[in-house]
Amino acid sequence: MGRPVYPANQLRGFINTINDLSADLVLQESIHHFNVELYEAKIEESLIEKNEEKFMKYTALLKEL
């Protein structure tokens, strides 16, 4: 059996879908990295301020990531 032959439009659609998924994964990873840094900064800030409520809030958010 030979390789299946797909019309050009199907191949273009497939490539576009892969590119969209790749972009989504990169964006998702970037947002995750940003949130980790933000929550760690907020936790550090809450420790300096000795604000237990803020500390608990951002610690919980960080654990959810």
PDB file of N, CA and C in Angstrom:
ATOM      1  N   MET A   1       0.830  -1.193   0.000  1.00  0.00           N
ATOM      2  CA  MET A   1       0.000   0.000   0.000  1.00  0.00           C
ATOM      3  C   MET A   1       0.861   1.238   0.000  1.00  0.00           C
ATOM      4  N   GLY A   2       0.469   2.167  -0.808  1.00  0.00           N
ATOM      5  CA  GLY A   2       1.204   3.416  -0.883  1.00  0.00           C
ATOM      6  C   GLY A   2       0.728   4.415   0.155  1.00  0.00           C
ATOM      7  N   ARG A   3       1.409   5.485   0.168  1.00  0.00           N
ATOM      8  CA  ARG A   3       1.074   6.578   1.066  1.00  0.00           C
ATOM      9  C   ARG A   3      -0.226   7.228   0.590  1.00  0.00           C
ATOM     10  N   PRO A   4      -1.144   7.550   1.530  1.00  0.00           N
ATOM     11  CA  PRO A   4      -2.388   8.193   1.077  1.00  0.00           C
ATOM     12  C   PRO A   4      -2.113   9.583   0.516  1.00  0.00           C
ATOM     13  N   VAL A   5      -2.818   9.907  -0.539  1.00  0.00           N
ATOM     14  CA  VAL A   5      -2.651  11.200  -1.182  1.00  0.00           C
ATOM     15  C   VAL A   5      -3.808  12.097  -0.744  1.00  0.00           C
ATOM     16  N   TYR A   6      -3.470  13.257  -0.170  1.00  0.00           N
ATOM     17  CA  TYR A   6      -4.479  14.193   0.301  1.00  0.00           C
ATOM     18  C   TYR A   6      -4.499  15.423  -0.608  1.00  0.00           C
ATOM     19  N   PRO A   7      -5.663  15.946  -0.832  1.00  0.00           N
ATOM     20  CA  PRO A   7      -5.734  17.203  -1.597  1.00  0.00           C
ATOM     21  C   PRO A   7      -4.974  18.309  -0.859  1.00  0.00           C
ATOM     22  N   ALA A   8      -4.511  19.279  -1.618  1.00  0.00           N
ATOM     23  CA  ALA A   8      -3.710  20.370  -1.049  1.00  0.00           C
ATOM     24  C   ALA A   8      -4.462  21.104   0.058  1.00  0.00           C
ATOM     25  N   ASN A   9      -5.754  21.276  -0.097  1.00  0.00           N
ATOM     26  CA  ASN A   9      -6.527  21.986   0.924  1.00  0.00           C
ATOM     27  C   ASN A   9      -6.543  21.242   2.243  1.00  0.00           C
ATOM     28  N   GLN A  10      -6.625  19.928   2.197  1.00  0.00           N
ATOM     29  CA  GLN A  10      -6.601  19.130   3.423  1.00  0.00           C
ATOM     30  C   GLN A  10      -5.241  19.255   4.106  1.00  0.00           C
ATOM     31  N   LEU A  11      -4.188  19.203   3.329  1.00  0.00           N
ATOM     32  CA  LEU A  11      -2.844  19.339   3.898  1.00  0.00           C
ATOM     33  C   LEU A  11      -2.648  20.719   4.505  1.00  0.00           C
ATOM     34  N   ARG A  12      -3.105  21.748   3.807  1.00  0.00           N
ATOM     35  CA  ARG A  12      -3.002  23.106   4.332  1.00  0.00           C
ATOM     36  C   ARG A  12      -3.766  23.238   5.642  1.00  0.00           C
ATOM     37  N   GLY A  13      -4.967  22.672   5.675  1.00  0.00           N
ATOM     38  CA  GLY A  13      -5.782  22.704   6.882  1.00  0.00           C
ATOM     39  C   GLY A  13      -5.110  21.980   8.030  1.00  0.00           C
ATOM     40  N   PHE A  14      -4.506  20.832   7.725  1.00  0.00           N
ATOM     41  CA  PHE A  14      -3.790  20.055   8.741  1.00  0.00           C
ATOM     42  C   PHE A  14      -2.594  20.838   9.287  1.00  0.00           C
ATOM     43  N   ILE A  15      -1.825  21.452   8.411  1.00  0.00           N
ATOM     44  CA  ILE A  15      -0.657  22.238   8.825  1.00  0.00           C
ATOM     45  C   ILE A  15      -1.087  23.449   9.643  1.00  0.00           C
ATOM     46  N   ASN A  16      -2.150  24.109   9.237  1.00  0.00           N
ATOM     47  CA  ASN A  16      -2.657  25.252   9.995  1.00  0.00           C
ATOM     48  C   ASN A  16      -3.105  24.833  11.391  1.00  0.00           C
ATOM     49  N   THR A  17      -3.740  23.677  11.487  1.00  0.00           N
ATOM     50  CA  THR A  17      -4.183  23.166  12.789  1.00  0.00           C
ATOM     51  C   THR A  17      -2.985  22.880  13.684  1.00  0.00           C
ATOM     52  N   ILE A  18      -1.959  22.268  13.136  1.00  0.00           N
ATOM     53  CA  ILE A  18      -0.744  21.988  13.915  1.00  0.00           C
ATOM     54  C   ILE A  18      -0.101  23.288  14.371  1.00  0.00           C
ATOM     55  N   ASN A  19      -0.019  24.271  13.490  1.00  0.00           N
ATOM     56  CA  ASN A  19       0.556  25.571  13.863  1.00  0.00           C
ATOM     57  C   ASN A  19      -0.259  26.237  14.961  1.00  0.00           C
ATOM     58  N   ASP A  20      -1.591  26.176  14.864  1.00  0.00           N
ATOM     59  CA  ASP A  20      -2.452  26.756  15.894  1.00  0.00           C
ATOM     60  C   ASP A  20      -2.241  26.062  17.239  1.00  0.00           C
ATOM     61  N   LEU A  21      -2.147  24.741  17.213  1.00  0.00           N
ATOM     62  CA  LEU A  21      -1.923  23.991  18.453  1.00  0.00           C
ATOM     63  C   LEU A  21      -0.564  24.325  19.057  1.00  0.00           C
ATOM     64  N   SER A  22       0.441  24.464  18.226  1.00  0.00           N
ATOM     65  CA  SER A  22       1.778  24.829  18.707  1.00  0.00           C
ATOM     66  C   SER A  22       1.757  26.208  19.360  1.00  0.00           C
ATOM     67  N   ALA A  23       1.096  27.143  18.721  1.00  0.00           N
ATOM     68  CA  ALA A  23       0.997  28.498  19.270  1.00  0.00           C
ATOM     69  C   ALA A  23       0.245  28.477  20.595  1.00  0.00           C
ATOM     70  N   ASP A  24      -0.829  27.682  20.674  1.00  0.00           N
ATOM     71  CA  ASP A  24      -1.583  27.573  21.918  1.00  0.00           C
ATOM     72  C   ASP A  24      -0.726  27.003  23.041  1.00  0.00           C
ATOM     73  N   LEU A  25       0.071  25.988  22.733  1.00  0.00           N
ATOM     74  CA  LEU A  25       0.936  25.386  23.751  1.00  0.00           C
ATOM     75  C   LEU A  25       1.998  26.360  24.236  1.00  0.00           C
ATOM     76  N   VAL A  26       2.586  27.114  23.322  1.00  0.00           N
ATOM     77  CA  VAL A  26       3.595  28.110  23.695  1.00  0.00           C
ATOM     78  C   VAL A  26       2.962  29.192  24.565  1.00  0.00           C
ATOM     79  N   LEU A  27       1.789  29.650  24.164  1.00  0.00           N
ATOM     80  CA  LEU A  27       1.081  30.675  24.934  1.00  0.00           C
ATOM     81  C   LEU A  27       0.709  30.161  26.321  1.00  0.00           C
ATOM     82  N   GLN A  28       0.202  28.951  26.385  1.00  0.00           N
ATOM     83  CA  GLN A  28      -0.180  28.352  27.659  1.00  0.00           C
ATOM     84  C   GLN A  28       1.026  28.228  28.587  1.00  0.00           C
ATOM     85  N   GLU A  29       2.147  27.802  28.060  1.00  0.00           N
ATOM     86  CA  GLU A  29       3.364  27.666  28.866  1.00  0.00           C
ATOM     87  C   GLU A  29       3.860  29.030  29.335  1.00  0.00           C
ATOM     88  N   SER A  30       3.765  30.023  28.488  1.00  0.00           N
ATOM     89  CA  SER A  30       4.184  31.377  28.856  1.00  0.00           C
ATOM     90  C   SER A  30       3.320  31.939  29.978  1.00  0.00           C
ATOM     91  N   ILE A  31       2.016  31.734  29.880  1.00  0.00           N
ATOM     92  CA  ILE A  31       1.100  32.202  30.920  1.00  0.00           C
ATOM     93  C   ILE A  31       1.383  31.491  32.234  1.00  0.00           C
ATOM     94  N   HIS A  32       1.633  30.207  32.171  1.00  0.00           N
ATOM     95  CA  HIS A  32       1.957  29.438  33.377  1.00  0.00           C
ATOM     96  C   HIS A  32       3.225  29.989  34.039  1.00  0.00           C
ATOM     97  N   HIS A  33       4.244  30.214  33.238  1.00  0.00           N
ATOM     98  CA  HIS A  33       5.519  30.742  33.751  1.00  0.00           C
ATOM     99  C   HIS A  33       5.305  32.123  34.381  1.00  0.00           C
ATOM    100  N   PHE A  34       4.532  32.969  33.712  1.00  0.00           N
ATOM    101  CA  PHE A  34       4.235  34.305  34.238  1.00  0.00           C
ATOM    102  C   PHE A  34       3.519  34.214  35.584  1.00  0.00           C
ATOM    103  N   ASN A  35       2.512  33.334  35.670  1.00  0.00           N
ATOM    104  CA  ASN A  35       1.750  33.192  36.913  1.00  0.00           C
ATOM    105  C   ASN A  35       2.613  32.671  38.055  1.00  0.00           C
ATOM    106  N   VAL A  36       3.497  31.735  37.779  1.00  0.00           N
ATOM    107  CA  VAL A  36       4.391  31.214  38.818  1.00  0.00           C
ATOM    108  C   VAL A  36       5.256  32.348  39.367  1.00  0.00           C
ATOM    109  N   GLU A  37       5.847  33.129  38.476  1.00  0.00           N
ATOM    110  CA  GLU A  37       6.688  34.246  38.922  1.00  0.00           C
ATOM    111  C   GLU A  37       5.887  35.278  39.707  1.00  0.00           C
ATOM    112  N   LEU A  38       4.685  35.583  39.232  1.00  0.00           N
ATOM    113  CA  LEU A  38       3.827  36.559  39.905  1.00  0.00           C
ATOM    114  C   LEU A  38       3.450  36.078  41.300  1.00  0.00           C
ATOM    115  N   TYR A  39       3.012  34.837  41.417  1.00  0.00           N
ATOM    116  CA  TYR A  39       2.601  34.312  42.722  1.00  0.00           C
ATOM    117  C   TYR A  39       3.781  34.217  43.682  1.00  0.00           C
ATOM    118  N   GLU A  40       4.937  33.845  43.171  1.00  0.00           N
ATOM    119  CA  GLU A  40       6.119  33.791  44.043  1.00  0.00           C
ATOM    120  C   GLU A  40       6.481  35.191  44.543  1.00  0.00           C
ATOM    121  N   ALA A  41       6.362  36.194  43.692  1.00  0.00           N
ATOM    122  CA  ALA A  41       6.636  37.573  44.099  1.00  0.00           C
ATOM    123  C   ALA A  41       5.616  38.033  45.138  1.00  0.00           C
ATOM    124  N   LYS A  42       4.355  37.686  44.933  1.00  0.00           N
ATOM    125  CA  LYS A  42       3.304  38.068  45.885  1.00  0.00           C
ATOM    126  C   LYS A  42       3.493  37.361  47.224  1.00  0.00           C
ATOM    127  N   ILE A  43       3.947  36.110  47.189  1.00  0.00           N
ATOM    128  CA  ILE A  43       4.216  35.374  48.431  1.00  0.00           C
ATOM    129  C   ILE A  43       5.357  36.042  49.185  1.00  0.00           C
ATOM    130  N   GLU A  44       6.413  36.384  48.468  1.00  0.00           N
ATOM    131  CA  GLU A  44       7.554  37.070  49.093  1.00  0.00           C
ATOM    132  C   GLU A  44       7.108  38.414  49.693  1.00  0.00           C
ATOM    133  N   GLU A  45       6.305  39.139  48.945  1.00  0.00           N
ATOM    134  CA  GLU A  45       5.785  40.427  49.418  1.00  0.00           C
ATOM    135  C   GLU A  45       4.945  40.246  50.687  1.00  0.00           C
ATOM    136  N   SER A  46       4.127  39.205  50.707  1.00  0.00           N
ATOM    137  CA  SER A  46       3.284  38.970  51.882  1.00  0.00           C
ATOM    138  C   SER A  46       4.119  38.577  53.106  1.00  0.00           C
ATOM    139  N   LEU A  47       5.229  37.890  52.871  1.00  0.00           N
ATOM    140  CA  LEU A  47       6.119  37.545  53.986  1.00  0.00           C
ATOM    141  C   LEU A  47       6.783  38.794  54.562  1.00  0.00           C
ATOM    142  N   ILE A  48       7.176  39.692  53.679  1.00  0.00           N
ATOM    143  CA  ILE A  48       7.794  40.940  54.129  1.00  0.00           C
ATOM    144  C   ILE A  48       6.779  41.768  54.922  1.00  0.00           C
ATOM    145  N   GLU A  49       5.538  41.802  54.418  1.00  0.00           N
ATOM    146  CA  GLU A  49       4.480  42.564  55.080  1.00  0.00           C
ATOM    147  C   GLU A  49       3.902  41.837  56.303  1.00  0.00           C
ATOM    148  N   LYS A  50       4.263  40.560  56.428  1.00  0.00           N
ATOM    149  CA  LYS A  50       3.715  39.692  57.485  1.00  0.00           C
ATOM    150  C   LYS A  50       2.192  39.632  57.383  1.00  0.00           C
ATOM    151  N   ASN A  51       1.721  39.469  56.153  1.00  0.00           N
ATOM    152  CA  ASN A  51       0.292  39.397  55.869  1.00  0.00           C
ATOM    153  C   ASN A  51      -0.072  37.933  55.618  1.00  0.00           C
ATOM    154  N   GLU A  52      -0.598  37.280  56.648  1.00  0.00           N
ATOM    155  CA  GLU A  52      -0.882  35.849  56.560  1.00  0.00           C
ATOM    156  C   GLU A  52      -1.988  35.546  55.541  1.00  0.00           C
ATOM    157  N   GLU A  53      -3.007  36.385  55.475  1.00  0.00           N
ATOM    158  CA  GLU A  53      -4.123  36.156  54.553  1.00  0.00           C
ATOM    159  C   GLU A  53      -3.638  36.166  53.098  1.00  0.00           C
ATOM    160  N   LYS A  54      -2.836  37.157  52.761  1.00  0.00           N
ATOM    161  CA  LYS A  54      -2.273  37.279  51.419  1.00  0.00           C
ATOM    162  C   LYS A  54      -1.345  36.090  51.128  1.00  0.00           C
ATOM    163  N   PHE A  55      -0.555  35.704  52.121  1.00  0.00           N
ATOM    164  CA  PHE A  55       0.349  34.569  51.970  1.00  0.00           C
ATOM    165  C   PHE A  55      -0.425  33.300  51.650  1.00  0.00           C
ATOM    166  N   MET A  56      -1.491  33.049  52.410  1.00  0.00           N
ATOM    167  CA  MET A  56      -2.294  31.841  52.203  1.00  0.00           C
ATOM    168  C   MET A  56      -2.971  31.858  50.824  1.00  0.00           C
ATOM    169  N   LYS A  57      -3.448  33.021  50.422  1.00  0.00           N
ATOM    170  CA  LYS A  57      -4.131  33.154  49.129  1.00  0.00           C
ATOM    171  C   LYS A  57      -3.193  32.798  47.974  1.00  0.00           C
ATOM    172  N   TYR A  58      -2.007  33.411  47.961  1.00  0.00           N
ATOM    173  CA  TYR A  58      -1.097  33.189  46.837  1.00  0.00           C
ATOM    174  C   TYR A  58      -0.399  31.831  46.909  1.00  0.00           C
ATOM    175  N   THR A  59      -0.233  31.306  48.107  1.00  0.00           N
ATOM    176  CA  THR A  59       0.313  29.949  48.230  1.00  0.00           C
ATOM    177  C   THR A  59      -0.675  28.945  47.632  1.00  0.00           C
ATOM    178  N   ALA A  60      -1.958  29.119  47.948  1.00  0.00           N
ATOM    179  CA  ALA A  60      -2.988  28.237  47.406  1.00  0.00           C
ATOM    180  C   ALA A  60      -3.057  28.342  45.876  1.00  0.00           C
ATOM    181  N   LEU A  61      -2.988  29.565  45.366  1.00  0.00           N
ATOM    182  CA  LEU A  61      -3.020  29.753  43.915  1.00  0.00           C
ATOM    183  C   LEU A  61      -1.815  29.100  43.243  1.00  0.00           C
ATOM    184  N   LEU A  62      -0.654  29.224  43.869  1.00  0.00           N
ATOM    185  CA  LEU A  62       0.557  28.613  43.307  1.00  0.00           C
ATOM    186  C   LEU A  62       0.437  27.086  43.293  1.00  0.00           C
ATOM    187  N   LYS A  63      -0.130  26.523  44.335  1.00  0.00           N
ATOM    188  CA  LYS A  63      -0.294  25.065  44.402  1.00  0.00           C
ATOM    189  C   LYS A  63      -1.262  24.563  43.329  1.00  0.00           C
ATOM    190  N   GLU A  64      -2.243  25.406  42.949  1.00  0.00           N
ATOM    191  CA  GLU A  64      -3.215  25.008  41.935  1.00  0.00           C
ATOM    192  C   GLU A  64      -2.631  24.959  40.518  1.00  0.00           C
ATOM    193  N   LEU A  65      -1.514  25.632  40.313  1.00  0.00           N
ATOM    194  CA  LEU A  65      -0.923  25.662  38.965  1.00  0.00           C
ATOM    195  C   LEU A  65      -0.371  24.320  38.554  1.00  0.00           C
TER     196      LEU A  65
END
